[in-house]
Amino acid sequence: MRSFLIVETQPRRQGGTAVLVVHVNGKLVKEDYENFVPEFDRLARGHGKLRVLFDMSGLHGW
């Protein structure tokens, strides 16, 4: 099971700035970070400045 999930791969615009919603569940491991960073970089290149909402209500540590 993946520990993180990018909910919106096409961030919505709110007030002119893209908003990316990320849900984090379980325990984060090194591989989660290694998978997240390239995806985040790809989205940032495609959308410019991003506002990020991390829902960490299901996070159980790292």
C-alpha atoms as a PDB file:
ATOM      1  CA  MET A   1       0.000   0.000   0.000  1.00  0.00           C
ATOM      2  CA  ARG A   2       1.275   3.439  -0.882  1.00  0.00           C
ATOM      3  CA  SER A   3       1.689   5.801   2.024  1.00  0.00           C
ATOM      4  CA  PHE A   4       0.852   8.930   0.075  1.00  0.00           C
ATOM      5  CA  LEU A   5      -1.626   9.709  -2.631  1.00  0.00           C
ATOM      6  CA  ILE A   6      -1.676  12.773  -4.832  1.00  0.00           C
ATOM      7  CA  VAL A   7      -5.371  13.319  -5.205  1.00  0.00           C
ATOM      8  CA  GLU A   8      -5.317  15.960  -7.894  1.00  0.00           C
ATOM      9  CA  THR A   9      -2.792  15.428 -10.617  1.00  0.00           C
ATOM     10  CA  GLN A  10      -4.237  18.441 -12.419  1.00  0.00           C
ATOM     11  CA  PRO A  11      -4.299  21.039  -9.645  1.00  0.00           C
ATOM     12  CA  ARG A  12      -7.266  23.367  -9.655  1.00  0.00           C
ATOM     13  CA  ARG A  13      -6.829  27.117  -9.785  1.00  0.00           C
ATOM     14  CA  GLN A  14      -8.044  29.135  -6.850  1.00  0.00           C
ATOM     15  CA  GLY A  15      -7.504  32.854  -6.954  1.00  0.00           C
ATOM     16  CA  GLY A  16      -4.997  32.457  -9.787  1.00  0.00           C
ATOM     17  CA  THR A  17      -2.769  29.929  -7.982  1.00  0.00           C
ATOM     18  CA  ALA A  18      -2.897  26.177  -8.529  1.00  0.00           C
ATOM     19  CA  VAL A  19      -3.825  24.099  -5.472  1.00  0.00           C
ATOM     20  CA  LEU A  20      -2.452  20.564  -5.157  1.00  0.00           C
ATOM     21  CA  VAL A  21      -4.156  18.258  -2.640  1.00  0.00           C
ATOM     22  CA  VAL A  22      -2.074  15.412  -1.180  1.00  0.00           C
ATOM     23  CA  HIS A  23      -3.420  12.776   1.220  1.00  0.00           C
ATOM     24  CA  VAL A  24      -0.901  10.961   3.409  1.00  0.00           C
ATOM     25  CA  ASN A  25      -1.825   7.683   5.093  1.00  0.00           C
ATOM     26  CA  GLY A  26       0.050   5.143   7.168  1.00  0.00           C
ATOM     27  CA  LYS A  27       3.769   5.351   7.773  1.00  0.00           C
ATOM     28  CA  LEU A  28       6.002   7.211   5.327  1.00  0.00           C
ATOM     29  CA  VAL A  29       9.177   5.526   4.131  1.00  0.00           C
ATOM     30  CA  LYS A  30      12.132   6.685   2.028  1.00  0.00           C
ATOM     31  CA  GLU A  31      10.597   5.292  -1.171  1.00  0.00           C
ATOM     32  CA  ASP A  32       7.497   7.458  -0.667  1.00  0.00           C
ATOM     33  CA  TYR A  33       9.658  10.570  -0.685  1.00  0.00           C
ATOM     34  CA  GLU A  34      11.623   9.319  -3.701  1.00  0.00           C
ATOM     35  CA  ASN A  35       8.351   8.808  -5.618  1.00  0.00           C
ATOM     36  CA  PHE A  36       6.708  12.025  -4.451  1.00  0.00           C
ATOM     37  CA  VAL A  37       9.479  14.477  -5.335  1.00  0.00           C
ATOM     38  CA  PRO A  38       9.622  13.767  -9.104  1.00  0.00           C
ATOM     39  CA  GLU A  39       5.820  13.902  -9.358  1.00  0.00           C
ATOM     40  CA  PHE A  40       5.708  17.186  -7.432  1.00  0.00           C
ATOM     41  CA  ASP A  41       8.488  18.626  -9.621  1.00  0.00           C
ATOM     42  CA  ARG A  42       6.579  17.601 -12.752  1.00  0.00           C
ATOM     43  CA  LEU A  43       3.424  19.335 -11.506  1.00  0.00           C
ATOM     44  CA  ALA A  44       5.329  22.458 -10.456  1.00  0.00           C
ATOM     45  CA  ARG A  45       6.926  22.721 -13.906  1.00  0.00           C
ATOM     46  CA  GLY A  46       3.535  22.344 -15.537  1.00  0.00           C
ATOM     47  CA  HIS A  47       1.608  24.728 -13.312  1.00  0.00           C
ATOM     48  CA  GLY A  48       4.171  27.169 -11.958  1.00  0.00           C
ATOM     49  CA  LYS A  49       3.585  28.306  -8.405  1.00  0.00           C
ATOM     50  CA  LEU A  50       1.593  25.746  -6.381  1.00  0.00           C
ATOM     51  CA  ARG A  51      -0.250  25.948  -3.114  1.00  0.00           C
ATOM     52  CA  VAL A  52      -0.130  22.549  -1.428  1.00  0.00           C
ATOM     53  CA  LEU A  53      -2.657  21.122   1.003  1.00  0.00           C
ATOM     54  CA  PHE A  54      -1.326  18.083   2.870  1.00  0.00           C
ATOM     55  CA  ASP A  55      -4.013  16.018   4.574  1.00  0.00           C
ATOM     56  CA  MET A  56      -1.960  14.134   7.139  1.00  0.00           C
ATOM     57  CA  SER A  57      -4.873  12.997   9.292  1.00  0.00           C
ATOM     58  CA  GLY A  58      -4.011   9.373   8.510  1.00  0.00           C
ATOM     59  CA  LEU A  59      -0.246   9.742   9.051  1.00  0.00           C
ATOM     60  CA  HIS A  60       1.245   7.348  11.565  1.00  0.00           C
ATOM     61  CA  GLY A  61       4.855   8.497  11.424  1.00  0.00           C
ATOM     62  CA  TRP A  62       7.933   7.975   9.329  1.00  0.00           C
END
